[in-house]
Amino acid sequence: MKGKAKKKAPEIILRNGKPSAVILDIEDYREMLERLEDLEDLEMLKEMRKRPLKFKKLEDFLKEYHPSV
């Protein structure tokens, strides 16, 4: 059984004495991207819930539905 590798702290790159970039562990980076995507999805859902719901009868939907397969 393999032990979990110790996470590395982010490394901050300075340019002219000011932070300009960060080097992250790839897993930390992927986790950040996943969380950002989740936040974007939640924001989109919040906006969608502000709009009124529109329903179609199943028969009407099936008349318009033409699968390309």
PDB file of N, CA and C in Angstrom:
ATOM      1  N   MET A   1       0.843  -1.178   0.000  1.00  0.00           N
ATOM      2  CA  MET A   1       0.000   0.000   0.000  1.00  0.00           C
ATOM      3  C   MET A   1       0.884   1.236   0.000  1.00  0.00           C
ATOM      4  N   LYS A   2       0.628   2.121  -0.927  1.00  0.00           N
ATOM      5  CA  LYS A   2       1.425   3.330  -1.047  1.00  0.00           C
ATOM      6  C   LYS A   2       0.901   4.406  -0.109  1.00  0.00           C
ATOM      7  N   GLY A   3       1.825   5.165   0.501  1.00  0.00           N
ATOM      8  CA  GLY A   3       1.432   6.292   1.345  1.00  0.00           C
ATOM      9  C   GLY A   3       1.161   7.506   0.475  1.00  0.00           C
ATOM     10  N   LYS A   4       0.361   8.415   1.001  1.00  0.00           N
ATOM     11  CA  LYS A   4       0.053   9.624   0.248  1.00  0.00           C
ATOM     12  C   LYS A   4       1.255  10.559   0.284  1.00  0.00           C
ATOM     13  N   ALA A   5       1.641  11.055  -0.869  1.00  0.00           N
ATOM     14  CA  ALA A   5       2.788  11.950  -0.962  1.00  0.00           C
ATOM     15  C   ALA A   5       2.492  13.264  -0.261  1.00  0.00           C
ATOM     16  N   LYS A   6       3.507  13.814   0.371  1.00  0.00           N
ATOM     17  CA  LYS A   6       3.356  15.088   1.063  1.00  0.00           C
ATOM     18  C   LYS A   6       3.170  16.192   0.026  1.00  0.00           C
ATOM     19  N   LYS A   7       2.167  17.044   0.247  1.00  0.00           N
ATOM     20  CA  LYS A   7       1.903  18.126  -0.703  1.00  0.00           C
ATOM     21  C   LYS A   7       2.966  19.202  -0.590  1.00  0.00           C
ATOM     22  N   LYS A   8       3.351  19.705  -1.739  1.00  0.00           N
ATOM     23  CA  LYS A   8       4.315  20.797  -1.775  1.00  0.00           C
ATOM     24  C   LYS A   8       3.581  22.119  -1.642  1.00  0.00           C
ATOM     25  N   ALA A   9       4.201  23.030  -0.961  1.00  0.00           N
ATOM     26  CA  ALA A   9       3.637  24.374  -0.852  1.00  0.00           C
ATOM     27  C   ALA A   9       3.829  25.090  -2.192  1.00  0.00           C
ATOM     28  N   PRO A  10       2.901  25.954  -2.576  1.00  0.00           N
ATOM     29  CA  PRO A  10       3.078  26.711  -3.822  1.00  0.00           C
ATOM     30  C   PRO A  10       4.344  27.564  -3.762  1.00  0.00           C
ATOM     31  N   GLU A  11       4.996  27.691  -4.892  1.00  0.00           N
ATOM     32  CA  GLU A  11       6.186  28.538  -4.981  1.00  0.00           C
ATOM     33  C   GLU A  11       5.809  29.823  -5.713  1.00  0.00           C
ATOM     34  N   ILE A  12       6.135  30.946  -5.111  1.00  0.00           N
ATOM     35  CA  ILE A  12       5.811  32.246  -5.698  1.00  0.00           C
ATOM     36  C   ILE A  12       7.047  32.769  -6.421  1.00  0.00           C
ATOM     37  N   ILE A  13       6.864  33.151  -7.673  1.00  0.00           N
ATOM     38  CA  ILE A  13       7.942  33.697  -8.493  1.00  0.00           C
ATOM     39  C   ILE A  13       7.853  35.218  -8.443  1.00  0.00           C
ATOM     40  N   LEU A  14       8.964  35.842  -8.152  1.00  0.00           N
ATOM     41  CA  LEU A  14       9.005  37.305  -8.065  1.00  0.00           C
ATOM     42  C   LEU A  14       9.646  37.887  -9.313  1.00  0.00           C
ATOM     43  N   ARG A  15       9.141  39.030  -9.724  1.00  0.00           N
ATOM     44  CA  ARG A  15       9.734  39.808 -10.808  1.00  0.00           C
ATOM     45  C   ARG A  15       9.812  41.237 -10.301  1.00  0.00           C
ATOM     46  N   ASN A  16      11.004  41.767 -10.261  1.00  0.00           N
ATOM     47  CA  ASN A  16      11.243  43.102  -9.714  1.00  0.00           C
ATOM     48  C   ASN A  16      10.720  43.211  -8.285  1.00  0.00           C
ATOM     49  N   GLY A  17      10.882  42.134  -7.516  1.00  0.00           N
ATOM     50  CA  GLY A  17      10.485  42.131  -6.123  1.00  0.00           C
ATOM     51  C   GLY A  17       8.993  41.973  -5.872  1.00  0.00           C
ATOM     52  N   LYS A  18       8.207  41.780  -6.943  1.00  0.00           N
ATOM     53  CA  LYS A  18       6.755  41.640  -6.797  1.00  0.00           C
ATOM     54  C   LYS A  18       6.318  40.264  -7.303  1.00  0.00           C
ATOM     55  N   PRO A  19       5.320  39.649  -6.635  1.00  0.00           N
ATOM     56  CA  PRO A  19       4.833  38.350  -7.106  1.00  0.00           C
ATOM     57  C   PRO A  19       4.292  38.447  -8.534  1.00  0.00           C
ATOM     58  N   SER A  20       4.724  37.515  -9.395  1.00  0.00           N
ATOM     59  CA  SER A  20       4.265  37.553 -10.786  1.00  0.00           C
ATOM     60  C   SER A  20       3.744  36.202 -11.277  1.00  0.00           C
ATOM     61  N   ALA A  21       4.054  35.116 -10.560  1.00  0.00           N
ATOM     62  CA  ALA A  21       3.597  33.794 -10.974  1.00  0.00           C
ATOM     63  C   ALA A  21       3.652  32.855  -9.777  1.00  0.00           C
ATOM     64  N   VAL A  22       2.952  31.715  -9.919  1.00  0.00           N
ATOM     65  CA  VAL A  22       2.940  30.701  -8.866  1.00  0.00           C
ATOM     66  C   VAL A  22       3.145  29.337  -9.506  1.00  0.00           C
ATOM     67  N   ILE A  23       3.968  28.529  -8.888  1.00  0.00           N
ATOM     68  CA  ILE A  23       4.150  27.145  -9.307  1.00  0.00           C
ATOM     69  C   ILE A  23       3.396  26.277  -8.304  1.00  0.00           C
ATOM     70  N   LEU A  24       2.417  25.505  -8.819  1.00  0.00           N
ATOM     71  CA  LEU A  24       1.577  24.654  -7.973  1.00  0.00           C
ATOM     72  C   LEU A  24       1.799  23.187  -8.288  1.00  0.00           C
ATOM     73  N   ASP A  25       1.527  22.354  -7.305  1.00  0.00           N
ATOM     74  CA  ASP A  25       1.460  20.921  -7.538  1.00  0.00           C
ATOM     75  C   ASP A  25       0.320  20.673  -8.529  1.00  0.00           C
ATOM     76  N   ILE A  26       0.505  19.765  -9.473  1.00  0.00           N
ATOM     77  CA  ILE A  26      -0.489  19.543 -10.531  1.00  0.00           C
ATOM     78  C   ILE A  26      -1.842  19.129  -9.956  1.00  0.00           C
ATOM     79  N   GLU A  27      -1.861  18.354  -8.884  1.00  0.00           N
ATOM     80  CA  GLU A  27      -3.133  17.951  -8.277  1.00  0.00           C
ATOM     81  C   GLU A  27      -3.848  19.150  -7.654  1.00  0.00           C
ATOM     82  N   ASP A  28      -3.097  20.046  -7.039  1.00  0.00           N
ATOM     83  CA  ASP A  28      -3.702  21.269  -6.492  1.00  0.00           C
ATOM     84  C   ASP A  28      -4.304  22.107  -7.612  1.00  0.00           C
ATOM     85  N   TYR A  29      -3.589  22.186  -8.730  1.00  0.00           N
ATOM     86  CA  TYR A  29      -4.077  22.950  -9.888  1.00  0.00           C
ATOM     87  C   TYR A  29      -5.369  22.342 -10.427  1.00  0.00           C
ATOM     88  N   ARG A  30      -5.392  21.032 -10.577  1.00  0.00           N
ATOM     89  CA  ARG A  30      -6.596  20.362 -11.083  1.00  0.00           C
ATOM     90  C   ARG A  30      -7.778  20.558 -10.128  1.00  0.00           C
ATOM     91  N   GLU A  31      -7.510  20.493  -8.835  1.00  0.00           N
ATOM     92  CA  GLU A  31      -8.568  20.709  -7.846  1.00  0.00           C
ATOM     93  C   GLU A  31      -9.120  22.139  -7.932  1.00  0.00           C
ATOM     94  N   MET A  32      -8.220  23.104  -8.127  1.00  0.00           N
ATOM     95  CA  MET A  32      -8.662  24.497  -8.294  1.00  0.00           C
ATOM     96  C   MET A  32      -9.545  24.649  -9.522  1.00  0.00           C
ATOM     97  N   LEU A  33      -9.157  24.028 -10.630  1.00  0.00           N
ATOM     98  CA  LEU A  33      -9.965  24.097 -11.847  1.00  0.00           C
ATOM     99  C   LEU A  33     -11.338  23.475 -11.634  1.00  0.00           C
ATOM    100  N   GLU A  34     -11.381  22.347 -10.947  1.00  0.00           N
ATOM    101  CA  GLU A  34     -12.645  21.670 -10.670  1.00  0.00           C
ATOM    102  C   GLU A  34     -13.560  22.549  -9.817  1.00  0.00           C
ATOM    103  N   ARG A  35     -12.994  23.159  -8.791  1.00  0.00           N
ATOM    104  CA  ARG A  35     -13.793  24.045  -7.931  1.00  0.00           C
ATOM    105  C   ARG A  35     -14.298  25.255  -8.702  1.00  0.00           C
ATOM    106  N   LEU A  36     -13.464  25.800  -9.563  1.00  0.00           N
ATOM    107  CA  LEU A  36     -13.879  26.943 -10.371  1.00  0.00           C
ATOM    108  C   LEU A  36     -15.026  26.554 -11.301  1.00  0.00           C
ATOM    109  N   GLU A  37     -14.927  25.379 -11.916  1.00  0.00           N
ATOM    110  CA  GLU A  37     -15.996  24.903 -12.791  1.00  0.00           C
ATOM    111  C   GLU A  37     -17.293  24.707 -12.002  1.00  0.00           C
ATOM    112  N   ASP A  38     -17.173  24.173 -10.790  1.00  0.00           N
ATOM    113  CA  ASP A  38     -18.358  23.993  -9.940  1.00  0.00           C
ATOM    114  C   ASP A  38     -19.008  25.341  -9.623  1.00  0.00           C
ATOM    115  N   LEU A  39     -18.199  26.337  -9.298  1.00  0.00           N
ATOM    116  CA  LEU A  39     -18.731  27.669  -9.005  1.00  0.00           C
ATOM    117  C   LEU A  39     -19.424  28.275 -10.221  1.00  0.00           C
ATOM    118  N   GLU A  40     -18.825  28.091 -11.394  1.00  0.00           N
ATOM    119  CA  GLU A  40     -19.440  28.605 -12.625  1.00  0.00           C
ATOM    120  C   GLU A  40     -20.772  27.904 -12.886  1.00  0.00           C
ATOM    121  N   ASP A  41     -20.822  26.589 -12.653  1.00  0.00           N
ATOM    122  CA  ASP A  41     -22.072  25.838 -12.841  1.00  0.00           C
ATOM    123  C   ASP A  41     -23.150  26.331 -11.884  1.00  0.00           C
ATOM    124  N   LEU A  42     -22.776  26.572 -10.629  1.00  0.00           N
ATOM    125  CA  LEU A  42     -23.744  27.060  -9.646  1.00  0.00           C
ATOM    126  C   LEU A  42     -24.264  28.443 -10.015  1.00  0.00           C
ATOM    127  N   GLU A  43     -23.391  29.295 -10.519  1.00  0.00           N
ATOM    128  CA  GLU A  43     -23.814  30.641 -10.939  1.00  0.00           C
ATOM    129  C   GLU A  43     -24.782  30.551 -12.117  1.00  0.00           C
ATOM    130  N   MET A  44     -24.485  29.659 -13.077  1.00  0.00           N
ATOM    131  CA  MET A  44     -25.372  29.477 -14.222  1.00  0.00           C
ATOM    132  C   MET A  44     -26.730  28.948 -13.763  1.00  0.00           C
ATOM    133  N   LEU A  45     -26.722  28.012 -12.826  1.00  0.00           N
ATOM    134  CA  LEU A  45     -27.968  27.466 -12.300  1.00  0.00           C
ATOM    135  C   LEU A  45     -28.784  28.549 -11.598  1.00  0.00           C
ATOM    136  N   LYS A  46     -28.107  29.409 -10.842  1.00  0.00           N
ATOM    137  CA  LYS A  46     -28.792  30.509 -10.160  1.00  0.00           C
ATOM    138  C   LYS A  46     -29.479  31.431 -11.171  1.00  0.00           C
ATOM    139  N   GLU A  47     -28.791  31.728 -12.266  1.00  0.00           N
ATOM    140  CA  GLU A  47     -29.377  32.576 -13.319  1.00  0.00           C
ATOM    141  C   GLU A  47     -30.552  31.875 -13.998  1.00  0.00           C
ATOM    142  N   MET A  48     -30.411  30.581 -14.247  1.00  0.00           N
ATOM    143  CA  MET A  48     -31.487  29.830 -14.904  1.00  0.00           C
ATOM    144  C   MET A  48     -32.741  29.789 -14.036  1.00  0.00           C
ATOM    145  N   ARG A  49     -32.562  29.729 -12.732  1.00  0.00           N
ATOM    146  CA  ARG A  49     -33.711  29.662 -11.825  1.00  0.00           C
ATOM    147  C   ARG A  49     -34.487  30.970 -11.768  1.00  0.00           C
ATOM    148  N   LYS A  50     -33.888  32.052 -12.221  1.00  0.00           N
ATOM    149  CA  LYS A  50     -34.581  33.344 -12.235  1.00  0.00           C
ATOM    150  C   LYS A  50     -35.600  33.410 -13.371  1.00  0.00           C
ATOM    151  N   ARG A  51     -35.387  32.611 -14.410  1.00  0.00           N
ATOM    152  CA  ARG A  51     -36.283  32.618 -15.567  1.00  0.00           C
ATOM    153  C   ARG A  51     -37.495  31.729 -15.304  1.00  0.00           C
ATOM    154  N   PRO A  52     -38.636  32.094 -15.890  1.00  0.00           N
ATOM    155  CA  PRO A  52     -39.809  31.241 -15.707  1.00  0.00           C
ATOM    156  C   PRO A  52     -39.623  29.906 -16.438  1.00  0.00           C
ATOM    157  N   LEU A  53     -40.212  28.870 -15.873  1.00  0.00           N
ATOM    158  CA  LEU A  53     -40.140  27.545 -16.490  1.00  0.00           C
ATOM    159  C   LEU A  53     -41.107  27.467 -17.660  1.00  0.00           C
ATOM    160  N   LYS A  54     -40.664  26.828 -18.727  1.00  0.00           N
ATOM    161  CA  LYS A  54     -41.516  26.621 -19.894  1.00  0.00           C
ATOM    162  C   LYS A  54     -41.597  25.120 -20.150  1.00  0.00           C
ATOM    163  N   PHE A  55     -42.802  24.618 -20.241  1.00  0.00           N
ATOM    164  CA  PHE A  55     -43.001  23.189 -20.465  1.00  0.00           C
ATOM    165  C   PHE A  55     -43.657  22.957 -21.819  1.00  0.00           C
ATOM    166  N   LYS A  56     -43.345  21.793 -22.389  1.00  0.00           N
ATOM    167  CA  LYS A  56     -43.960  21.356 -23.640  1.00  0.00           C
ATOM    168  C   LYS A  56     -44.628  20.025 -23.382  1.00  0.00           C
ATOM    169  N   LYS A  57     -45.693  19.804 -24.076  1.00  0.00           N
ATOM    170  CA  LYS A  57     -46.307  18.482 -24.013  1.00  0.00           C
ATOM    171  C   LYS A  57     -45.380  17.500 -24.708  1.00  0.00           C
ATOM    172  N   LEU A  58     -45.365  16.266 -24.217  1.00  0.00           N
ATOM    173  CA  LEU A  58     -44.497  15.240 -24.793  1.00  0.00           C
ATOM    174  C   LEU A  58     -44.803  15.029 -26.268  1.00  0.00           C
ATOM    175  N   GLU A  59     -46.060  15.042 -26.626  1.00  0.00           N
ATOM    176  CA  GLU A  59     -46.447  14.829 -28.024  1.00  0.00           C
ATOM    177  C   GLU A  59     -45.861  15.931 -28.924  1.00  0.00           C
ATOM    178  N   ASP A  60     -45.916  17.177 -28.462  1.00  0.00           N
ATOM    179  CA  ASP A  60     -45.358  18.289 -29.242  1.00  0.00           C
ATOM    180  C   ASP A  60     -43.845  18.154 -29.386  1.00  0.00           C
ATOM    181  N   PHE A  61     -43.184  17.780 -28.300  1.00  0.00           N
ATOM    182  CA  PHE A  61     -41.738  17.593 -28.351  1.00  0.00           C
ATOM    183  C   PHE A  61     -41.372  16.504 -29.350  1.00  0.00           C
ATOM    184  N   LEU A  62     -42.083  15.392 -29.311  1.00  0.00           N
ATOM    185  CA  LEU A  62     -41.768  14.272 -30.195  1.00  0.00           C
ATOM    186  C   LEU A  62     -42.012  14.627 -31.662  1.00  0.00           C
ATOM    187  N   LYS A  63     -42.982  15.489 -31.933  1.00  0.00           N
ATOM    188  CA  LYS A  63     -43.221  15.934 -33.316  1.00  0.00           C
ATOM    189  C   LYS A  63     -42.048  16.744 -33.844  1.00  0.00           C
ATOM    190  N   GLU A  64     -41.421  17.536 -32.964  1.00  0.00           N
ATOM    191  CA  GLU A  64     -40.306  18.397 -33.365  1.00  0.00           C
ATOM    192  C   GLU A  64     -38.954  17.693 -33.304  1.00  0.00           C
ATOM    193  N   TYR A  65     -38.878  16.617 -32.560  1.00  0.00           N
ATOM    194  CA  TYR A  65     -37.605  15.941 -32.305  1.00  0.00           C
ATOM    195  C   TYR A  65     -37.219  15.063 -33.479  1.00  0.00           C
ATOM    196  N   HIS A  66     -36.045  15.342 -34.020  1.00  0.00           N
ATOM    197  CA  HIS A  66     -35.538  14.558 -35.157  1.00  0.00           C
ATOM    198  C   HIS A  66     -34.079  14.180 -34.858  1.00  0.00           C
ATOM    199  N   PRO A  67     -33.855  13.036 -34.250  1.00  0.00           N
ATOM    200  CA  PRO A  67     -32.452  12.652 -33.950  1.00  0.00           C
ATOM    201  C   PRO A  67     -31.663  12.449 -35.240  1.00  0.00           C
ATOM    202  N   SER A  68     -30.406  12.807 -35.180  1.00  0.00           N
ATOM    203  CA  SER A  68     -29.547  12.693 -36.367  1.00  0.00           C
ATOM    204  C   SER A  68     -28.955  11.301 -36.518  1.00  0.00           C
ATOM    205  N   VAL A  69     -29.285  10.397 -35.636  1.00  0.00           N
ATOM    206  CA  VAL A  69     -28.702   9.046 -35.681  1.00  0.00           C
ATOM    207  C   VAL A  69     -29.539   8.141 -36.539  1.00  0.00           C
TER     208      VAL A  69
END
